[in-house]
Amino acid sequence: MQWTLVIPLKPLALAKSRLADTAGDALRPGLALAFAEDTVAAALACAAVRDVVVVTDDAPAGSALAALGARVVPDEPRAGLNAALTHAAAHARAVRPETPLAALNADLPALRPPELARVLDAAAEFPRAFLPDAAAIGTTLLAVAAGRELLPVFGTDSRVRHRASGATELRLTAVDSVRQDVDTGDDLRAALALGVGPRTAAAAARLLGIGQ
C-alpha cells in the first residue's frame, strides 16, 4: 500500500515563532525551511509513500520543496491550517482518488523513512487514525483510508480533539522520529539527539550552543 502525504507549511516569515528566542528572527525562516526540506526528503524516501503534496503560499519554499520532488499547491482558502489541509487533500484525491491519504507535519527534521512506513502500515488497519506528538498533546500524523475524508482538527490539544472526532490513536513505540516535531529550542535539541537531516544539521550548526 502506498500513500499520498499532505504537508502544510506556513509562509516562512511567520513560521516557528516560538523558536525566536533560540534562532532569532534572522535565522528562524531558514530553520523552518530546513525542517520542511528534511521532512519532505525523508517522506519521499519512504517505501510506503507514493507522493507528497505540500500546501503553502511561500513561493521560495514551494520551489525548494518542488525541487525535492513534492507537488506544491497554493493555500487558496487562506483560512488556517485545517482549511489548508482539507484543500490540499481534495487536490490530492483529484489526482489519485484510489490512494490512502495522510497529513504530516512539516517540522519533523529527524524523520526516518522506516519509522514513517511503520506508522503508515499501522494506520492502514483503521479507517482514520492519528499519531500523537512527542509531548503527547498534539498530533504529527493523521491518516485516512481511500474514500474517507481527512477531517483534520489540528491546533491546541489536537490529540484530544482527534480522538474525540473518532480517529483511532496509534500507540506505537520506537517511532520517535515521526513524533518529534519542533516548536521550541528544547524540541530542536531533542530532534538533534535523534539525528536530523542534513539541511537541519547545517542550519542548527549556525546557532550558538545547538548541536555542539
Protein backbone atom coordinates (compact mmCIF):
# COMPACT_ATOMS: atom_id res chain seq x y z
CA MET A 1 0.00 0.00 0.00
CA GLN A 2 1.37 3.40 -0.99
CA TRP A 3 0.19 6.67 0.48
CA THR A 4 -0.17 10.26 -0.59
CA LEU A 5 1.08 12.62 2.10
CA VAL A 6 -0.16 16.18 2.52
CA ILE A 7 2.26 18.53 4.28
CA PRO A 8 1.29 22.09 5.25
CA LEU A 9 3.82 24.90 5.51
CA LYS A 10 3.20 28.44 6.69
CA PRO A 11 4.92 31.35 4.96
CA LEU A 12 8.45 31.17 6.34
CA ALA A 13 8.33 34.69 7.78
CA LEU A 14 5.50 33.52 10.06
CA ALA A 15 6.71 30.01 10.79
CA LYS A 16 8.17 28.75 14.07
CA SER A 17 7.64 31.94 16.09
CA ARG A 18 8.34 30.03 19.31
CA LEU A 19 11.89 29.43 18.07
CA ALA A 20 12.63 33.16 18.00
CA ASP A 21 14.34 33.01 21.40
CA THR A 22 16.61 30.23 20.13
CA ALA A 23 17.18 31.11 16.49
CA GLY A 24 16.34 34.81 16.33
CA ASP A 25 14.21 36.32 13.60
CA ALA A 26 17.08 36.28 11.10
CA LEU A 27 17.72 32.52 11.22
CA ARG A 28 14.22 31.29 12.07
CA PRO A 29 12.80 31.23 8.49
CA GLY A 30 15.81 29.30 7.21
CA LEU A 31 15.50 26.83 10.03
CA ALA A 32 11.78 26.32 9.27
CA LEU A 33 12.61 25.66 5.62
CA ALA A 34 15.34 23.20 6.60
CA PHE A 35 12.84 21.30 8.75
CA ALA A 36 10.42 21.11 5.85
CA GLU A 37 13.09 20.06 3.34
CA ASP A 38 14.34 17.25 5.57
CA THR A 39 10.75 16.16 6.29
CA VAL A 40 9.81 16.06 2.61
CA ALA A 41 13.03 14.32 1.59
CA ALA A 42 12.56 11.61 4.21
CA ALA A 43 8.89 11.18 3.33
CA LEU A 44 9.70 10.74 -0.36
CA ALA A 45 12.36 8.18 0.56
CA CYS A 46 9.78 6.07 2.43
CA ALA A 47 8.76 2.90 0.59
CA ALA A 48 5.16 3.34 1.77
CA VAL A 49 4.83 6.80 0.21
CA ARG A 50 3.78 7.30 -3.40
CA ASP A 51 3.84 11.10 -3.48
CA VAL A 52 3.91 14.21 -1.33
CA VAL A 53 1.73 17.29 -1.72
CA VAL A 54 2.88 20.46 0.03
CA VAL A 55 0.35 23.23 0.62
CA THR A 56 1.98 26.63 1.03
CA ASP A 57 1.81 30.22 -0.12
CA ASP A 58 5.54 30.73 0.31
CA ALA A 59 6.94 30.80 -3.22
CA PRO A 60 10.65 30.25 -2.38
CA ALA A 61 9.80 27.39 -0.02
CA GLY A 62 7.48 25.89 -2.61
CA SER A 63 10.22 26.00 -5.22
CA ALA A 64 12.73 24.35 -2.88
CA LEU A 65 10.30 21.57 -1.96
CA ALA A 66 9.20 21.04 -5.56
CA ALA A 67 12.87 20.56 -6.44
CA LEU A 68 12.93 17.65 -3.99
CA GLY A 69 10.01 16.02 -5.80
CA ALA A 70 6.95 17.31 -3.96
CA ARG A 71 3.85 18.61 -5.69
CA VAL A 72 3.08 22.11 -4.43
CA VAL A 73 -0.38 23.64 -4.24
CA PRO A 74 -1.26 27.14 -3.02
CA ASP A 75 -3.22 27.67 0.18
CA GLU A 76 -6.23 29.03 -1.63
CA PRO A 77 -8.61 29.09 1.37
CA ARG A 78 -6.11 31.06 3.50
CA ALA A 79 -8.28 30.17 6.49
CA GLY A 80 -5.83 28.36 8.73
CA LEU A 81 -4.15 25.01 8.98
CA ASN A 82 -7.18 22.72 8.85
CA ALA A 83 -8.70 24.51 5.87
CA ALA A 84 -5.35 24.30 4.07
CA LEU A 85 -5.12 20.57 4.73
CA THR A 86 -8.69 19.98 3.55
CA HIS A 87 -7.95 21.92 0.35
CA ALA A 88 -4.72 20.01 -0.29
CA ALA A 89 -6.42 16.69 0.43
CA ALA A 90 -9.09 17.47 -2.17
CA HIS A 91 -6.35 18.31 -4.68
CA ALA A 92 -4.51 15.07 -3.90
CA ARG A 93 -7.67 12.99 -4.18
CA ALA A 94 -8.49 14.57 -7.53
CA VAL A 95 -5.16 13.26 -8.84
CA ARG A 96 -5.04 9.90 -7.01
CA PRO A 97 -8.50 9.03 -5.69
CA GLU A 98 -7.57 5.40 -5.06
CA THR A 99 -4.76 6.01 -2.57
CA PRO A 100 -4.92 6.38 1.22
CA LEU A 101 -4.04 9.84 2.46
CA ALA A 102 -2.15 11.21 5.46
CA ALA A 103 -1.48 14.70 6.75
CA LEU A 104 2.06 15.03 8.11
CA ASN A 105 3.67 17.91 9.97
CA ALA A 106 6.38 19.86 8.16
CA ASP A 107 8.59 20.12 11.25
CA LEU A 108 9.91 16.57 11.61
CA PRO A 109 13.59 17.06 10.78
CA ALA A 110 14.64 13.74 12.34
CA LEU A 111 12.09 11.77 10.29
CA ARG A 112 13.28 8.28 9.35
CA PRO A 113 11.64 6.56 6.38
CA PRO A 114 11.38 3.10 8.03
CA GLU A 115 9.65 4.56 11.08
CA LEU A 116 7.23 6.51 8.89
CA ALA A 117 6.48 3.29 6.99
CA ARG A 118 5.74 1.54 10.27
CA VAL A 119 3.30 4.26 11.30
CA LEU A 120 1.54 4.21 7.93
CA ASP A 121 1.30 0.41 7.99
CA ALA A 122 -0.34 0.61 11.42
CA ALA A 123 -2.71 3.37 10.26
CA ALA A 124 -3.81 1.23 7.31
CA GLU A 125 -5.64 -1.03 9.77
CA PHE A 126 -8.16 1.73 10.54
CA PRO A 127 -10.50 3.99 8.55
CA ARG A 128 -8.97 7.04 10.26
CA ALA A 129 -6.06 7.17 12.68
CA PHE A 130 -3.56 9.59 14.17
CA LEU A 131 -0.18 9.64 15.89
CA PRO A 132 0.34 11.93 18.89
CA ASP A 133 3.43 14.07 19.12
CA ALA A 134 6.32 13.53 21.50
CA ALA A 135 4.70 15.79 24.09
CA ALA A 136 1.50 13.68 23.94
CA ILE A 137 -0.51 16.85 23.41
CA GLY A 138 -0.53 17.45 19.68
CA THR A 139 -0.64 15.36 16.51
CA THR A 140 2.07 14.78 13.93
CA LEU A 141 0.20 12.49 11.51
CA LEU A 142 -3.46 11.98 10.62
CA ALA A 143 -4.26 9.18 8.17
CA VAL A 144 -7.39 8.06 6.35
CA ALA A 145 -8.24 5.18 4.06
CA ALA A 146 -9.10 5.71 0.41
CA GLY A 147 -12.57 7.20 0.11
CA ARG A 148 -12.53 8.66 3.62
CA GLU A 149 -12.48 12.34 4.50
CA LEU A 150 -9.43 13.66 6.36
CA LEU A 151 -11.43 15.88 8.76
CA PRO A 152 -8.38 17.48 10.42
CA VAL A 153 -8.68 19.21 13.78
CA PHE A 154 -5.07 20.28 14.26
CA GLY A 155 -4.33 23.04 16.73
CA THR A 156 -4.26 23.31 20.51
CA ASP A 157 -4.74 19.93 22.20
CA SER A 158 -5.18 18.20 18.85
CA ARG A 159 -4.51 14.78 20.38
CA VAL A 160 -7.70 15.09 22.43
CA ARG A 161 -9.57 16.68 19.55
CA HIS A 162 -8.63 14.00 17.02
CA ARG A 163 -9.54 11.26 19.47
CA ALA A 164 -12.88 12.96 20.18
CA SER A 165 -13.52 13.18 16.43
CA GLY A 166 -13.46 9.39 16.19
CA ALA A 167 -9.94 8.84 14.90
CA THR A 168 -8.03 5.89 16.38
CA GLU A 169 -4.92 6.81 18.33
CA LEU A 170 -1.90 4.82 17.23
CA ARG A 171 0.01 3.58 20.27
CA LEU A 172 3.36 2.65 18.77
CA THR A 173 6.83 2.51 20.25
CA ALA A 174 10.16 3.11 18.52
CA VAL A 175 8.74 5.71 16.12
CA ASP A 176 10.22 8.73 17.89
CA SER A 177 11.32 10.37 14.66
CA VAL A 178 7.70 10.59 13.49
CA ARG A 179 6.59 12.07 16.80
CA GLN A 180 9.34 14.64 17.38
CA ASP A 181 8.07 17.87 15.93
CA VAL A 182 9.96 21.08 16.63
CA ASP A 183 8.35 24.18 18.11
CA THR A 184 10.86 25.19 20.80
CA GLY A 185 14.58 25.12 21.46
CA ASP A 186 14.13 22.06 23.66
CA ASP A 187 12.30 20.32 20.81
CA LEU A 188 15.18 21.13 18.48
CA ARG A 189 17.68 19.66 20.91
CA ALA A 190 15.56 16.51 21.19
CA ALA A 191 15.43 16.22 17.38
CA LEU A 192 19.19 16.72 17.15
CA ALA A 193 19.68 13.94 19.68
CA LEU A 194 17.66 11.62 17.44
CA GLY A 195 19.67 12.64 14.38
CA VAL A 196 18.33 15.23 11.96
CA GLY A 197 18.57 15.50 8.20
CA PRO A 198 21.45 17.33 6.52
CA ARG A 199 19.69 20.65 5.96
CA THR A 200 18.59 20.97 9.57
CA ALA A 201 22.02 19.88 10.77
CA ALA A 202 23.64 22.65 8.71
CA ALA A 203 21.14 25.26 9.88
CA ALA A 204 21.44 24.21 13.53
CA ALA A 205 25.22 24.38 13.34
CA ARG A 206 24.87 28.13 12.79
CA LEU A 207 23.08 28.53 16.13
CA LEU A 208 25.34 29.07 19.12
CA GLY A 209 25.13 26.13 21.51
CA ILE A 210 22.86 23.98 19.32
CA GLY A 211 24.17 20.67 18.12
CA GLN A 212 27.52 21.10 19.87
